[in-house]
Amino acid sequence: MQINTEGDRILSTTQTTKSCHPCEGKGYISIRDCSGEIQREENCSFCNGSGKIEIEI
């Protein structure tokens, strides 16, 4: 558990990970042309290729 202080308040935050929605946890996104053929695959820019994103609760 990480404790952040902001001004005179103490904010308690917990970080957890979940599967990245845009790449569906794969870590990469397939770029397709207009006919549906895969042209290339790129690292997901939302999770930086890890397939998971950290969220604070």
PDB file of N, CA and C in Angstrom:
ATOM      1  N   MET A   1       0.838  -1.174   0.000  1.00  0.00           N
ATOM      2  CA  MET A   1       0.000   0.000   0.000  1.00  0.00           C
ATOM      3  C   MET A   1       0.883   1.237   0.000  1.00  0.00           C
ATOM      4  N   GLN A   2       0.572   2.170  -0.849  1.00  0.00           N
ATOM      5  CA  GLN A   2       1.348   3.385  -0.987  1.00  0.00           C
ATOM      6  C   GLN A   2       0.550   4.535  -0.385  1.00  0.00           C
ATOM      7  N   ILE A   3       1.235   5.396   0.361  1.00  0.00           N
ATOM      8  CA  ILE A   3       0.554   6.533   0.965  1.00  0.00           C
ATOM      9  C   ILE A   3       1.080   7.804   0.315  1.00  0.00           C
ATOM     10  N   ASN A   4       0.166   8.588  -0.219  1.00  0.00           N
ATOM     11  CA  ASN A   4       0.510   9.864  -0.832  1.00  0.00           C
ATOM     12  C   ASN A   4       0.044  10.984   0.079  1.00  0.00           C
ATOM     13  N   THR A   5       0.843  12.011   0.194  1.00  0.00           N
ATOM     14  CA  THR A   5       0.413  13.180   0.955  1.00  0.00           C
ATOM     15  C   THR A   5       0.212  14.328  -0.010  1.00  0.00           C
ATOM     16  N   GLU A   6      -0.881  15.000   0.129  1.00  0.00           N
ATOM     17  CA  GLU A   6      -1.197  16.132  -0.732  1.00  0.00           C
ATOM     18  C   GLU A   6      -1.708  17.245   0.164  1.00  0.00           C
ATOM     19  N   GLY A   7      -0.865  18.253   0.376  1.00  0.00           N
ATOM     20  CA  GLY A   7      -1.229  19.323   1.292  1.00  0.00           C
ATOM     21  C   GLY A   7      -1.270  18.775   2.705  1.00  0.00           C
ATOM     22  N   ASP A   8      -2.375  18.977   3.389  1.00  0.00           N
ATOM     23  CA  ASP A   8      -2.522  18.464   4.748  1.00  0.00           C
ATOM     24  C   ASP A   8      -3.339  17.178   4.793  1.00  0.00           C
ATOM     25  N   ARG A   9      -3.653  16.617   3.618  1.00  0.00           N
ATOM     26  CA  ARG A   9      -4.425  15.378   3.560  1.00  0.00           C
ATOM     27  C   ARG A   9      -3.509  14.203   3.279  1.00  0.00           C
ATOM     28  N   ILE A  10      -3.830  13.075   3.829  1.00  0.00           N
ATOM     29  CA  ILE A  10      -3.121  11.837   3.528  1.00  0.00           C
ATOM     30  C   ILE A  10      -4.052  10.989   2.676  1.00  0.00           C
ATOM     31  N   LEU A  11      -3.582  10.660   1.488  1.00  0.00           N
ATOM     32  CA  LEU A  11      -4.380   9.867   0.561  1.00  0.00           C
ATOM     33  C   LEU A  11      -3.799   8.468   0.482  1.00  0.00           C
ATOM     34  N   SER A  12      -4.618   7.482   0.735  1.00  0.00           N
ATOM     35  CA  SER A  12      -4.180   6.098   0.676  1.00  0.00           C
ATOM     36  C   SER A  12      -4.624   5.509  -0.657  1.00  0.00           C
ATOM     37  N   THR A  13      -3.664   5.002  -1.440  1.00  0.00           N
ATOM     38  CA  THR A  13      -4.008   4.414  -2.731  1.00  0.00           C
ATOM     39  C   THR A  13      -3.445   3.002  -2.824  1.00  0.00           C
ATOM     40  N   THR A  14      -4.184   2.159  -3.488  1.00  0.00           N
ATOM     41  CA  THR A  14      -3.744   0.799  -3.754  1.00  0.00           C
ATOM     42  C   THR A  14      -3.732   0.608  -5.262  1.00  0.00           C
ATOM     43  N   GLN A  15      -2.629   0.075  -5.786  1.00  0.00           N
ATOM     44  CA  GLN A  15      -2.548  -0.166  -7.218  1.00  0.00           C
ATOM     45  C   GLN A  15      -2.746  -1.646  -7.508  1.00  0.00           C
ATOM     46  N   THR A  16      -3.491  -1.903  -8.545  1.00  0.00           N
ATOM     47  CA  THR A  16      -3.718  -3.266  -8.984  1.00  0.00           C
ATOM     48  C   THR A  16      -3.607  -3.290 -10.512  1.00  0.00           C
ATOM     49  N   THR A  17      -3.443  -4.449 -11.084  1.00  0.00           N
ATOM     50  CA  THR A  17      -3.337  -4.548 -12.539  1.00  0.00           C
ATOM     51  C   THR A  17      -4.543  -5.289 -13.097  1.00  0.00           C
ATOM     52  N   LYS A  18      -4.889  -4.931 -14.323  1.00  0.00           N
ATOM     53  CA  LYS A  18      -5.938  -5.658 -15.035  1.00  0.00           C
ATOM     54  C   LYS A  18      -5.539  -5.753 -16.493  1.00  0.00           C
ATOM     55  N   SER A  19      -6.196  -6.605 -17.211  1.00  0.00           N
ATOM     56  CA  SER A  19      -5.898  -6.821 -18.624  1.00  0.00           C
ATOM     57  C   SER A  19      -6.208  -5.553 -19.416  1.00  0.00           C
ATOM     58  N   CYS A  20      -5.326  -5.225 -20.348  1.00  0.00           N
ATOM     59  CA  CYS A  20      -5.492  -4.031 -21.179  1.00  0.00           C
ATOM     60  C   CYS A  20      -6.642  -4.259 -22.165  1.00  0.00           C
ATOM     61  N   HIS A  21      -7.593  -3.336 -22.187  1.00  0.00           N
ATOM     62  CA  HIS A  21      -8.769  -3.506 -23.039  1.00  0.00           C
ATOM     63  C   HIS A  21      -8.468  -3.345 -24.534  1.00  0.00           C
ATOM     64  N   PRO A  22      -7.728  -2.306 -24.967  1.00  0.00           N
ATOM     65  CA  PRO A  22      -7.504  -2.145 -26.420  1.00  0.00           C
ATOM     66  C   PRO A  22      -6.794  -3.322 -27.083  1.00  0.00           C
ATOM     67  N   CYS A  23      -5.798  -3.919 -26.410  1.00  0.00           N
ATOM     68  CA  CYS A  23      -5.068  -5.034 -27.043  1.00  0.00           C
ATOM     69  C   CYS A  23      -5.533  -6.390 -26.514  1.00  0.00           C
ATOM     70  N   GLU A  24      -6.524  -6.404 -25.638  1.00  0.00           N
ATOM     71  CA  GLU A  24      -7.092  -7.626 -25.061  1.00  0.00           C
ATOM     72  C   GLU A  24      -6.046  -8.462 -24.338  1.00  0.00           C
ATOM     73  N   GLY A  25      -5.065  -7.783 -23.716  1.00  0.00           N
ATOM     74  CA  GLY A  25      -4.047  -8.475 -22.929  1.00  0.00           C
ATOM     75  C   GLY A  25      -2.917  -9.083 -23.737  1.00  0.00           C
ATOM     76  N   LYS A  26      -2.894  -8.876 -25.046  1.00  0.00           N
ATOM     77  CA  LYS A  26      -1.853  -9.460 -25.896  1.00  0.00           C
ATOM     78  C   LYS A  26      -0.566  -8.640 -25.885  1.00  0.00           C
ATOM     79  N   GLY A  27      -0.674  -7.330 -25.664  1.00  0.00           N
ATOM     80  CA  GLY A  27       0.498  -6.468 -25.679  1.00  0.00           C
ATOM     81  C   GLY A  27       0.781  -5.861 -27.034  1.00  0.00           C
ATOM     82  N   TYR A  28       0.036  -6.267 -28.059  1.00  0.00           N
ATOM     83  CA  TYR A  28       0.232  -5.701 -29.397  1.00  0.00           C
ATOM     84  C   TYR A  28      -1.120  -5.535 -30.085  1.00  0.00           C
ATOM     85  N   ILE A  29      -1.140  -4.662 -31.074  1.00  0.00           N
ATOM     86  CA  ILE A  29      -2.344  -4.390 -31.850  1.00  0.00           C
ATOM     87  C   ILE A  29      -2.034  -4.680 -33.314  1.00  0.00           C
ATOM     88  N   SER A  30      -2.922  -5.385 -33.996  1.00  0.00           N
ATOM     89  CA  SER A  30      -2.755  -5.686 -35.422  1.00  0.00           C
ATOM     90  C   SER A  30      -3.334  -4.545 -36.247  1.00  0.00           C
ATOM     91  N   ILE A  31      -2.525  -3.998 -37.133  1.00  0.00           N
ATOM     92  CA  ILE A  31      -2.970  -2.939 -38.037  1.00  0.00           C
ATOM     93  C   ILE A  31      -3.380  -3.603 -39.346  1.00  0.00           C
ATOM     94  N   ARG A  32      -4.635  -3.374 -39.762  1.00  0.00           N
ATOM     95  CA  ARG A  32      -5.174  -4.030 -40.957  1.00  0.00           C
ATOM     96  C   ARG A  32      -5.428  -3.016 -42.062  1.00  0.00           C
ATOM     97  N   ASP A  33      -5.394  -3.494 -43.299  1.00  0.00           N
ATOM     98  CA  ASP A  33      -5.732  -2.623 -44.424  1.00  0.00           C
ATOM     99  C   ASP A  33      -7.235  -2.700 -44.676  1.00  0.00           C
ATOM    100  N   CYS A  34      -7.704  -2.037 -45.723  1.00  0.00           N
ATOM    101  CA  CYS A  34      -9.141  -1.959 -45.986  1.00  0.00           C
ATOM    102  C   CYS A  34      -9.769  -3.304 -46.339  1.00  0.00           C
ATOM    103  N   SER A  35      -8.977  -4.277 -46.786  1.00  0.00           N
ATOM    104  CA  SER A  35      -9.534  -5.595 -47.103  1.00  0.00           C
ATOM    105  C   SER A  35      -9.504  -6.540 -45.903  1.00  0.00           C
ATOM    106  N   GLY A  36      -8.943  -6.079 -44.775  1.00  0.00           N
ATOM    107  CA  GLY A  36      -8.923  -6.896 -43.571  1.00  0.00           C
ATOM    108  C   GLY A  36      -7.650  -7.678 -43.353  1.00  0.00           C
ATOM    109  N   GLU A  37      -6.709  -7.575 -44.280  1.00  0.00           N
ATOM    110  CA  GLU A  37      -5.430  -8.279 -44.139  1.00  0.00           C
ATOM    111  C   GLU A  37      -4.545  -7.557 -43.125  1.00  0.00           C
ATOM    112  N   ILE A  38      -3.846  -8.330 -42.298  1.00  0.00           N
ATOM    113  CA  ILE A  38      -2.937  -7.738 -41.321  1.00  0.00           C
ATOM    114  C   ILE A  38      -1.702  -7.214 -42.046  1.00  0.00           C
ATOM    115  N   GLN A  39      -1.431  -5.930 -41.893  1.00  0.00           N
ATOM    116  CA  GLN A  39      -0.265  -5.315 -42.519  1.00  0.00           C
ATOM    117  C   GLN A  39       0.943  -5.338 -41.585  1.00  0.00           C
ATOM    118  N   ARG A  40       0.712  -5.034 -40.304  1.00  0.00           N
ATOM    119  CA  ARG A  40       1.796  -5.060 -39.322  1.00  0.00           C
ATOM    120  C   ARG A  40       1.198  -5.132 -37.929  1.00  0.00           C
ATOM    121  N   GLU A  41       2.039  -5.451 -36.974  1.00  0.00           N
ATOM    122  CA  GLU A  41       1.636  -5.478 -35.575  1.00  0.00           C
ATOM    123  C   GLU A  41       2.524  -4.511 -34.817  1.00  0.00           C
ATOM    124  N   GLU A  42       1.922  -3.732 -33.922  1.00  0.00           N
ATOM    125  CA  GLU A  42       2.645  -2.736 -33.146  1.00  0.00           C
ATOM    126  C   GLU A  42       2.395  -2.963 -31.665  1.00  0.00           C
ATOM    127  N   ASN A  43       3.364  -2.553 -30.838  1.00  0.00           N
ATOM    128  CA  ASN A  43       3.154  -2.582 -29.396  1.00  0.00           C
ATOM    129  C   ASN A  43       1.977  -1.686 -29.047  1.00  0.00           C
ATOM    130  N   CYS A  44       1.190  -2.122 -28.105  1.00  0.00           N
ATOM    131  CA  CYS A  44       0.047  -1.337 -27.656  1.00  0.00           C
ATOM    132  C   CYS A  44       0.553  -0.084 -26.941  1.00  0.00           C
ATOM    133  N   SER A  45       0.036   1.071 -27.321  1.00  0.00           N
ATOM    134  CA  SER A  45       0.476   2.323 -26.707  1.00  0.00           C
ATOM    135  C   SER A  45      -0.171   2.557 -25.347  1.00  0.00           C
ATOM    136  N   PHE A  46      -1.225   1.827 -25.018  1.00  0.00           N
ATOM    137  CA  PHE A  46      -1.883   2.001 -23.730  1.00  0.00           C
ATOM    138  C   PHE A  46      -1.137   1.281 -22.611  1.00  0.00           C
ATOM    139  N   CYS A  47      -0.619   0.081 -22.889  1.00  0.00           N
ATOM    140  CA  CYS A  47       0.071  -0.714 -21.860  1.00  0.00           C
ATOM    141  C   CYS A  47       1.563  -0.848 -22.139  1.00  0.00           C
ATOM    142  N   ASN A  48       2.051  -0.226 -23.220  1.00  0.00           N
ATOM    143  CA  ASN A  48       3.466  -0.298 -23.620  1.00  0.00           C
ATOM    144  C   ASN A  48       3.943  -1.722 -23.858  1.00  0.00           C
ATOM    145  N   GLY A  49       3.064  -2.570 -24.356  1.00  0.00           N
ATOM    146  CA  GLY A  49       3.436  -3.926 -24.732  1.00  0.00           C
ATOM    147  C   GLY A  49       3.379  -4.953 -23.620  1.00  0.00           C
ATOM    148  N   SER A  50       2.953  -4.563 -22.425  1.00  0.00           N
ATOM    149  CA  SER A  50       2.919  -5.517 -21.309  1.00  0.00           C
ATOM    150  C   SER A  50       1.632  -6.341 -21.273  1.00  0.00           C
ATOM    151  N   GLY A  51       0.552  -5.820 -21.841  1.00  0.00           N
ATOM    152  CA  GLY A  51      -0.731  -6.519 -21.809  1.00  0.00           C
ATOM    153  C   GLY A  51      -1.542  -6.237 -20.562  1.00  0.00           C
ATOM    154  N   LYS A  52      -0.972  -5.488 -19.625  1.00  0.00           N
ATOM    155  CA  LYS A  52      -1.667  -5.155 -18.382  1.00  0.00           C
ATOM    156  C   LYS A  52      -1.528  -3.667 -18.104  1.00  0.00           C
ATOM    157  N   ILE A  53      -2.549  -3.098 -17.474  1.00  0.00           N
ATOM    158  CA  ILE A  53      -2.476  -1.709 -17.058  1.00  0.00           C
ATOM    159  C   ILE A  53      -2.676  -1.637 -15.552  1.00  0.00           C
ATOM    160  N   GLU A  54      -2.029  -0.668 -14.922  1.00  0.00           N
ATOM    161  CA  GLU A  54      -2.155  -0.475 -13.483  1.00  0.00           C
ATOM    162  C   GLU A  54      -3.238   0.555 -13.223  1.00  0.00           C
ATOM    163  N   ILE A  55      -4.098   0.249 -12.280  1.00  0.00           N
ATOM    164  CA  ILE A  55      -5.141   1.183 -11.887  1.00  0.00           C
ATOM    165  C   ILE A  55      -5.056   1.406 -10.388  1.00  0.00           C
ATOM    166  N   GLU A  56      -5.477   2.583  -9.948  1.00  0.00           N
ATOM    167  CA  GLU A  56      -5.489   2.904  -8.528  1.00  0.00           C
ATOM    168  C   GLU A  56      -6.912   2.801  -8.015  1.00  0.00           C
ATOM    169  N   ILE A  57      -7.050   2.167  -6.865  1.00  0.00           N
ATOM    170  CA  ILE A  57      -8.364   2.088  -6.227  1.00  0.00           C
ATOM    171  C   ILE A  57      -8.286   2.625  -4.822  1.00  0.00           C
TER     172      ILE A  57
END
